[in-house]
C-alpha atoms as a PDB file:
ATOM      1  CA  MET A   1     -12.727-106.855  93.209  1.00  0.00           C
ATOM      2  CA  LYS A   2     -12.369-103.472  94.857  1.00  0.00           C
ATOM      3  CA  THR A   3      -8.988-102.789  93.678  1.00  0.00           C
ATOM      4  CA  SER A   4      -9.798-103.581  90.216  1.00  0.00           C
ATOM      5  CA  ALA A   5     -12.868-101.144  90.229  1.00  0.00           C
ATOM      6  CA  THR A   6     -10.686 -98.456  91.868  1.00  0.00           C
ATOM      7  CA  SER A   7      -8.028 -98.939  89.041  1.00  0.00           C
ATOM      8  CA  ALA A   8     -10.524 -98.718  86.372  1.00  0.00           C
ATOM      9  CA  ALA A   9     -12.149 -95.607  87.869  1.00  0.00           C
ATOM     10  CA  ALA A  10      -8.705 -93.864  87.890  1.00  0.00           C
ATOM     11  CA  LYS A  11      -8.111 -94.743  84.430  1.00  0.00           C
ATOM     12  CA  ARG A  12     -11.317 -93.197  83.269  1.00  0.00           C
ATOM     13  CA  GLN A  13     -10.357 -90.032  85.205  1.00  0.00           C
ATOM     14  CA  LEU A  14      -7.022 -89.862  83.694  1.00  0.00           C
ATOM     15  CA  ARG A  15      -8.618 -90.288  80.256  1.00  0.00           C
ATOM     16  CA  ASN A  16     -11.058 -87.479  80.732  1.00  0.00           C
ATOM     17  CA  ALA A  17      -8.224 -85.319  82.229  1.00  0.00           C
ATOM     18  CA  LYS A  18      -6.109 -85.984  78.993  1.00  0.00           C
ATOM     19  CA  LYS A  19      -9.281 -85.234  76.596  1.00  0.00           C
ATOM     20  CA  LEU A  20     -10.108 -82.037  78.675  1.00  0.00           C
ATOM     21  CA  LEU A  21      -6.429 -80.929  78.308  1.00  0.00           C
ATOM     22  CA  ARG A  22      -6.482 -81.528  74.535  1.00  0.00           C
ATOM     23  CA  GLN A  23      -9.844 -79.677  74.063  1.00  0.00           C
ATOM     24  CA  LYS A  24      -8.466 -76.717  75.950  1.00  0.00           C
ATOM     25  CA  LYS A  25      -5.265 -76.481  73.717  1.00  0.00           C
ATOM     26  CA  ALA A  26      -7.490 -76.759  70.628  1.00  0.00           C
ATOM     27  CA  ALA A  27      -9.563 -73.916  71.556  1.00  0.00           C
ATOM     28  CA  PRO A  28      -8.587 -70.469  70.202  1.00  0.00           C
ATOM     29  CA  THR A  29      -7.476 -68.113  72.837  1.00  0.00           C
ATOM     30  CA  PRO A  30      -9.632 -64.918  72.668  1.00  0.00           C
ATOM     31  CA  GLN A  31      -7.620 -61.930  72.048  1.00  0.00           C
ATOM     32  CA  ALA A  32      -8.113 -58.829  74.180  1.00  0.00           C
ATOM     33  CA  ARG A  33      -9.156 -55.798  71.957  1.00  0.00           C
ATOM     34  CA  SER A  34      -8.483 -52.126  72.819  1.00  0.00           C
ATOM     35  CA  LEU A  35     -11.343 -49.532  72.659  1.00  0.00           C
ATOM     36  CA  ASP A  36      -9.867 -48.063  69.756  1.00  0.00           C
ATOM     37  CA  GLU A  37     -10.452 -51.211  67.726  1.00  0.00           C
ATOM     38  CA  LEU A  38     -14.417 -51.118  68.439  1.00  0.00           C
ATOM     39  CA  THR A  39     -16.954 -49.570  66.340  1.00  0.00           C
ATOM     40  CA  PRO A  40     -18.304 -46.281  67.702  1.00  0.00           C
ATOM     41  CA  VAL A  41     -21.970 -46.143  68.721  1.00  0.00           C
ATOM     42  CA  HIS A  42     -22.304 -42.696  69.787  1.00  0.00           C
ATOM     43  CA  ARG A  43     -19.791 -40.476  67.718  1.00  0.00           C
ATOM     44  CA  ARG A  44     -21.128 -37.075  69.158  1.00  0.00           C
ATOM     45  CA  ALA A  45     -20.780 -38.327  72.861  1.00  0.00           C
ATOM     46  CA  CYS A  46     -19.817 -36.146  75.879  1.00  0.00           C
ATOM     47  CA  GLY A  47     -18.922 -37.147  79.217  1.00  0.00           C
ATOM     48  CA  ILE A  48     -19.615 -35.012  82.082  1.00  0.00           C
ATOM     49  CA  ASP A  49     -17.965 -35.643  85.648  1.00  0.00           C
ATOM     50  CA  VAL A  50     -20.428 -33.929  88.065  1.00  0.00           C
ATOM     51  CA  GLY A  51     -19.183 -32.475  91.285  1.00  0.00           C
ATOM     52  CA  SER A  52     -20.452 -30.200  94.011  1.00  0.00           C
ATOM     53  CA  ALA A  53     -18.367 -27.146  92.851  1.00  0.00           C
ATOM     54  CA  GLU A  54     -17.459 -27.892  89.309  1.00  0.00           C
ATOM     55  CA  ASN A  55     -18.592 -29.932  86.146  1.00  0.00           C
ATOM     56  CA  TYR A  56     -15.893 -31.313  83.935  1.00  0.00           C
ATOM     57  CA  ALA A  57     -17.139 -32.004  80.252  1.00  0.00           C
ATOM     58  CA  ALA A  58     -15.291 -33.769  77.605  1.00  0.00           C
ATOM     59  CA  ILE A  59     -16.279 -33.939  73.899  1.00  0.00           C
ATOM     60  CA  PRO A  60     -14.724 -35.502  70.801  1.00  0.00           C
ATOM     61  CA  ALA A  61     -11.561 -34.055  69.531  1.00  0.00           C
ATOM     62  CA  GLU A  62     -12.951 -34.407  66.069  1.00  0.00           C
ATOM     63  CA  GLY A  63     -13.980 -30.988  64.537  1.00  0.00           C
ATOM     64  CA  LEU A  64     -12.244 -28.846  67.231  1.00  0.00           C
ATOM     65  CA  ALA A  65     -10.224 -25.857  66.017  1.00  0.00           C
ATOM     66  CA  PRO A  66      -6.321 -26.236  66.504  1.00  0.00           C
ATOM     67  CA  ASN A  67      -5.371 -25.774  70.291  1.00  0.00           C
ATOM     68  CA  GLU A  68      -9.210 -25.786  71.174  1.00  0.00           C
ATOM     69  CA  PRO A  69      -9.392 -27.986  74.357  1.00  0.00           C
ATOM     70  CA  ALA A  70     -11.732 -31.082  74.371  1.00  0.00           C
ATOM     71  CA  VAL A  71     -12.308 -30.666  77.997  1.00  0.00           C
ATOM     72  CA  ARG A  72     -13.791 -27.686  79.618  1.00  0.00           C
ATOM     73  CA  VAL A  73     -14.613 -26.870  83.307  1.00  0.00           C
ATOM     74  CA  PHE A  74     -17.944 -25.172  84.431  1.00  0.00           C
ATOM     75  CA  GLY A  75     -19.421 -24.149  87.537  1.00  0.00           C
ATOM     76  CA  VAL A  76     -22.614 -25.405  89.269  1.00  0.00           C
ATOM     77  CA  PHE A  77     -24.822 -22.120  89.137  1.00  0.00           C
ATOM     78  CA  SER A  78     -27.697 -21.723  86.738  1.00  0.00           C
ATOM     79  CA  GLY A  79     -25.661 -19.639  84.429  1.00  0.00           C
ATOM     80  CA  ASP A  80     -22.846 -21.975  84.281  1.00  0.00           C
ATOM     81  CA  GLN A  81     -25.060 -24.951  83.772  1.00  0.00           C
ATOM     82  CA  ASN A  82     -26.691 -23.031  80.808  1.00  0.00           C
ATOM     83  CA  ALA A  83     -23.388 -22.017  79.484  1.00  0.00           C
ATOM     84  CA  LEU A  84     -22.272 -25.955  79.366  1.00  0.00           C
ATOM     85  CA  VAL A  85     -25.639 -26.872  77.627  1.00  0.00           C
ATOM     86  CA  GLU A  86     -24.964 -24.025  74.963  1.00  0.00           C
ATOM     87  CA  TRP A  87     -21.491 -25.307  74.280  1.00  0.00           C
ATOM     88  CA  LEU A  88     -22.486 -28.759  73.928  1.00  0.00           C
ATOM     89  CA  GLN A  89     -25.191 -27.448  71.463  1.00  0.00           C
ATOM     90  CA  ARG A  90     -22.658 -25.488  69.460  1.00  0.00           C
ATOM     91  CA  LYS A  91     -20.397 -28.541  69.216  1.00  0.00           C
ATOM     92  CA  GLU A  92     -23.520 -30.774  67.986  1.00  0.00           C
ATOM     93  CA  ILE A  93     -23.310 -32.983  70.908  1.00  0.00           C
ATOM     94  CA  SER A  94     -26.159 -35.455  70.609  1.00  0.00           C
ATOM     95  CA  THR A  95     -25.726 -37.466  73.924  1.00  0.00           C
ATOM     96  CA  VAL A  96     -24.373 -37.084  77.417  1.00  0.00           C
ATOM     97  CA  ALA A  97     -23.216 -39.494  79.806  1.00  0.00           C
ATOM     98  CA  MET A  98     -22.725 -38.439  83.597  1.00  0.00           C
ATOM     99  CA  GLU A  99     -22.659 -40.244  86.882  1.00  0.00           C
ATOM    100  CA  ALA A 100     -25.418 -40.275  89.253  1.00  0.00           C
ATOM    101  CA  THR A 101     -23.368 -38.429  92.037  1.00  0.00           C
ATOM    102  CA  GLY A 102     -25.547 -37.311  94.981  1.00  0.00           C
ATOM    103  CA  HIS A 103     -28.119 -34.677  94.147  1.00  0.00           C
ATOM    104  CA  TYR A 104     -25.761 -32.564  91.907  1.00  0.00           C
ATOM    105  CA  TRP A 105     -26.720 -34.177  88.549  1.00  0.00           C
ATOM    106  CA  MET A 106     -30.441 -33.438  88.775  1.00  0.00           C
ATOM    107  CA  THR A 107     -30.673 -29.785  87.692  1.00  0.00           C
ATOM    108  CA  LEU A 108     -27.958 -30.219  84.868  1.00  0.00           C
ATOM    109  CA  TYR A 109     -29.975 -33.265  83.667  1.00  0.00           C
ATOM    110  CA  ASP A 110     -33.127 -31.472  83.459  1.00  0.00           C
ATOM    111  CA  LYS A 111     -31.423 -28.857  81.557  1.00  0.00           C
ATOM    112  CA  LEU A 112     -29.896 -31.168  79.024  1.00  0.00           C
ATOM    113  CA  GLU A 113     -33.173 -33.042  78.539  1.00  0.00           C
ATOM    114  CA  ALA A 114     -34.932 -29.736  77.808  1.00  0.00           C
ATOM    115  CA  ALA A 115     -32.240 -28.907  75.350  1.00  0.00           C
ATOM    116  CA  GLY A 116     -33.205 -32.138  73.456  1.00  0.00           C
ATOM    117  CA  ILE A 117     -29.808 -33.914  74.281  1.00  0.00           C
ATOM    118  CA  GLU A 118     -30.035 -37.587  75.290  1.00  0.00           C
ATOM    119  CA  VAL A 119     -28.751 -38.057  78.812  1.00  0.00           C
ATOM    120  CA  TYR A 120     -27.281 -41.348  80.055  1.00  0.00           C
ATOM    121  CA  LEU A 121     -27.461 -41.636  83.733  1.00  0.00           C
ATOM    122  CA  VAL A 122     -24.870 -44.349  84.963  1.00  0.00           C
ATOM    123  CA  ASP A 123     -24.060 -45.973  88.207  1.00  0.00           C
ATOM    124  CA  PRO A 124     -20.789 -44.399  89.504  1.00  0.00           C
ATOM    125  CA  HIS A 125     -19.671 -47.467  91.312  1.00  0.00           C
ATOM    126  CA  ALA A 126     -19.985 -49.476  88.066  1.00  0.00           C
ATOM    127  CA  VAL A 127     -17.728 -46.991  86.233  1.00  0.00           C
ATOM    128  CA  ARG A 128     -15.230 -46.903  89.006  1.00  0.00           C
ATOM    129  CA  ALA A 129     -14.874 -50.616  88.556  1.00  0.00           C
ATOM    130  CA  VAL A 130     -12.915 -49.829  85.325  1.00  0.00           C
ATOM    131  CA  PRO A 131      -9.255 -49.209  85.830  1.00  0.00           C
ATOM    132  CA  GLY A 132      -7.458 -45.903  84.574  1.00  0.00           C
ATOM    133  CA  ARG A 133      -9.640 -43.256  86.312  1.00  0.00           C
ATOM    134  CA  LYS A 134      -7.127 -41.017  88.099  1.00  0.00           C
ATOM    135  CA  SER A 135      -8.760 -37.460  88.421  1.00  0.00           C
ATOM    136  CA  ASP A 136     -11.767 -35.512  87.436  1.00  0.00           C
ATOM    137  CA  TRP A 137     -10.139 -34.166  84.308  1.00  0.00           C
ATOM    138  CA  LEU A 138      -9.531 -37.929  83.255  1.00  0.00           C
ATOM    139  CA  ASP A 139     -12.805 -39.184  84.560  1.00  0.00           C
ATOM    140  CA  CYS A 140     -15.025 -37.189  82.109  1.00  0.00           C
ATOM    141  CA  GLN A 141     -12.782 -38.441  79.179  1.00  0.00           C
ATOM    142  CA  TRP A 142     -13.010 -41.932  80.359  1.00  0.00           C
ATOM    143  CA  LEU A 143     -16.783 -41.394  80.535  1.00  0.00           C
ATOM    144  CA  GLN A 144     -16.872 -39.945  77.017  1.00  0.00           C
ATOM    145  CA  LYS A 145     -14.866 -42.877  75.653  1.00  0.00           C
ATOM    146  CA  LEU A 146     -16.929 -45.503  77.317  1.00  0.00           C
ATOM    147  CA  HIS A 147     -20.026 -43.833  76.011  1.00  0.00           C
ATOM    148  CA  THR A 148     -18.636 -43.265  72.551  1.00  0.00           C
ATOM    149  CA  TYR A 149     -18.491 -47.273  72.107  1.00  0.00           C
ATOM    150  CA  GLY A 150     -21.687 -47.951  73.902  1.00  0.00           C
ATOM    151  CA  LEU A 151     -20.118 -49.573  76.945  1.00  0.00           C
ATOM    152  CA  LEU A 152     -22.260 -47.755  79.579  1.00  0.00           C
ATOM    153  CA  ARG A 153     -25.464 -49.168  80.988  1.00  0.00           C
ATOM    154  CA  ARG A 154     -28.185 -46.520  81.292  1.00  0.00           C
ATOM    155  CA  ALA A 155     -29.975 -46.169  84.584  1.00  0.00           C
ATOM    156  CA  PHE A 156     -33.868 -45.975  84.475  1.00  0.00           C
ATOM    157  CA  ARG A 157     -35.255 -42.424  85.167  1.00  0.00           C
ATOM    158  CA  PRO A 158     -39.049 -41.869  84.445  1.00  0.00           C
ATOM    159  CA  ASP A 159     -40.433 -39.302  82.323  1.00  0.00           C
ATOM    160  CA  ALA A 160     -40.872 -35.745  83.719  1.00  0.00           C
ATOM    161  CA  PRO A 161     -44.660 -35.913  84.699  1.00  0.00           C
ATOM    162  CA  ILE A 162     -44.043 -39.189  86.627  1.00  0.00           C
ATOM    163  CA  ARG A 163     -40.878 -37.334  88.387  1.00  0.00           C
ATOM    164  CA  ARG A 164     -43.322 -34.652  89.406  1.00  0.00           C
ATOM    165  CA  LEU A 165     -45.854 -36.871  90.802  1.00  0.00           C
ATOM    166  CA  ARG A 166     -43.184 -38.794  92.597  1.00  0.00           C
ATOM    167  CA  THR A 167     -41.929 -35.675  94.099  1.00  0.00           C
ATOM    168  CA  LEU A 168     -45.236 -34.608  95.312  1.00  0.00           C
ATOM    169  CA  THR A 169     -46.076 -38.243  96.614  1.00  0.00           C
ATOM    170  CA  ARG A 170     -42.902 -38.361  98.518  1.00  0.00           C
ATOM    171  CA  GLN A 171     -43.512 -34.628  99.981  1.00  0.00           C
ATOM    172  CA  ARG A 172     -46.854 -35.472 101.285  1.00  0.00           C
ATOM    173  CA  THR A 173     -45.703 -38.729 102.811  1.00  0.00           C
ATOM    174  CA  GLU A 174     -42.908 -36.606 104.650  1.00  0.00           C
ATOM    175  CA  LEU A 175     -45.494 -34.100 105.722  1.00  0.00           C
ATOM    176  CA  VAL A 176     -47.914 -36.793 107.108  1.00  0.00           C
ATOM    177  CA  LEU A 177     -45.076 -38.397 108.988  1.00  0.00           C
ATOM    178  CA  CYS A 178     -43.755 -35.132 110.454  1.00  0.00           C
ATOM    179  CA  GLY A 179     -47.504 -34.080 111.378  1.00  0.00           C
ATOM    180  CA  VAL A 180     -47.524 -37.532 113.498  1.00  0.00           C
ATOM    181  CA  ALA A 181     -44.575 -36.656 115.261  1.00  0.00           C
ATOM    182  CA  HIS A 182     -45.833 -33.129 115.986  1.00  0.00           C
ATOM    183  CA  GLN A 183     -49.061 -34.613 117.343  1.00  0.00           C
ATOM    184  CA  GLU A 184     -47.081 -36.788 119.804  1.00  0.00           C
ATOM    185  CA  HIS A 185     -45.281 -33.830 120.825  1.00  0.00           C
ATOM    186  CA  MET A 186     -48.146 -31.887 121.504  1.00  0.00           C
ATOM    187  CA  GLY A 187     -49.764 -34.716 123.512  1.00  0.00           C
ATOM    188  CA  LYS A 188     -46.615 -35.128 125.776  1.00  0.00           C
ATOM    189  CA  ALA A 189     -46.473 -31.349 126.342  1.00  0.00           C
ATOM    190  CA  LEU A 190     -50.168 -31.193 127.503  1.00  0.00           C
ATOM    191  CA  VAL A 191     -49.628 -34.297 129.813  1.00  0.00           C
ATOM    192  CA  SER A 192     -46.502 -32.388 131.199  1.00  0.00           C
ATOM    193  CA  MET A 193     -48.777 -29.444 132.124  1.00  0.00           C
ATOM    194  CA  ASN A 194     -51.160 -32.039 133.698  1.00  0.00           C
ATOM    195  CA  VAL A 195     -53.763 -31.173 131.004  1.00  0.00           C
ATOM    196  CA  GLN A 196     -55.423 -34.428 130.743  1.00  0.00           C
ATOM    197  CA  LEU A 197     -57.214 -33.734 127.598  1.00  0.00           C
ATOM    198  CA  GLY A 198     -56.476 -37.455 126.205  1.00  0.00           C
ATOM    199  CA  LEU A 199     -58.730 -38.608 128.959  1.00  0.00           C
ATOM    200  CA  ALA A 200     -61.721 -36.312 127.862  1.00  0.00           C
ATOM    201  CA  VAL A 201     -61.413 -36.692 123.988  1.00  0.00           C
ATOM    202  CA  SER A 202     -60.413 -39.734 121.915  1.00  0.00           C
ATOM    203  CA  ASP A 203     -58.440 -37.511 119.227  1.00  0.00           C
ATOM    204  CA  LEU A 204     -56.622 -34.536 120.239  1.00  0.00           C
ATOM    205  CA  VAL A 205     -56.272 -33.255 116.444  1.00  0.00           C
ATOM    206  CA  GLY A 206     -59.952 -33.940 115.858  1.00  0.00           C
ATOM    207  CA  GLU A 207     -62.605 -31.099 115.631  1.00  0.00           C
ATOM    208  CA  THR A 208     -63.268 -30.972 119.360  1.00  0.00           C
ATOM    209  CA  GLY A 209     -59.755 -31.611 120.384  1.00  0.00           C
ATOM    210  CA  LEU A 210     -58.548 -28.706 118.383  1.00  0.00           C
ATOM    211  CA  ARG A 211     -61.299 -26.372 119.366  1.00  0.00           C
ATOM    212  CA  ILE A 212     -60.425 -27.086 123.168  1.00  0.00           C
ATOM    213  CA  ILE A 213     -56.738 -26.322 122.445  1.00  0.00           C
END
């Protein structure tokens, strides 16, 4: 009985395997498509590779004069960033994609946003997972191409009023933490001088404690 049951189970497995193989053969194989076959989503898109000393910007080659480069390099000072924004405005760029590299992107992001240019802030790790990136010069072109076809995921960044409130809140938190550390240092310094003020008052930084100090 056990042998016949095992044989029947083996036959069922064999039939299922053959059926699965026939289904795989009948299913159409998806064909890989190149980026050039996709429909552009952002036709006037720019890709910016943000660095600590230089910013590489790539724009579409359409509409450029003969021998005019589609990639330009700008510095990181305020005047250089203003020149970059003005160049993008002259070229009628409507949206920009750039990586969130350290803190270098923040001032440029604010200038682009103030100029009315839509900014896509993307995760650099997600972009680097795509092959074909070799240098800063090619990085900005790769960003521009991916952004043109809508293949970049935009990172969340709150509006300007929320950003200002967040900065103030973080700064206040840091100041409070620093104040606590300084209070501890002050208490240790008093004890090291054998000034046992902590035995006389409950709070060194209270009104009585500060008056005595």
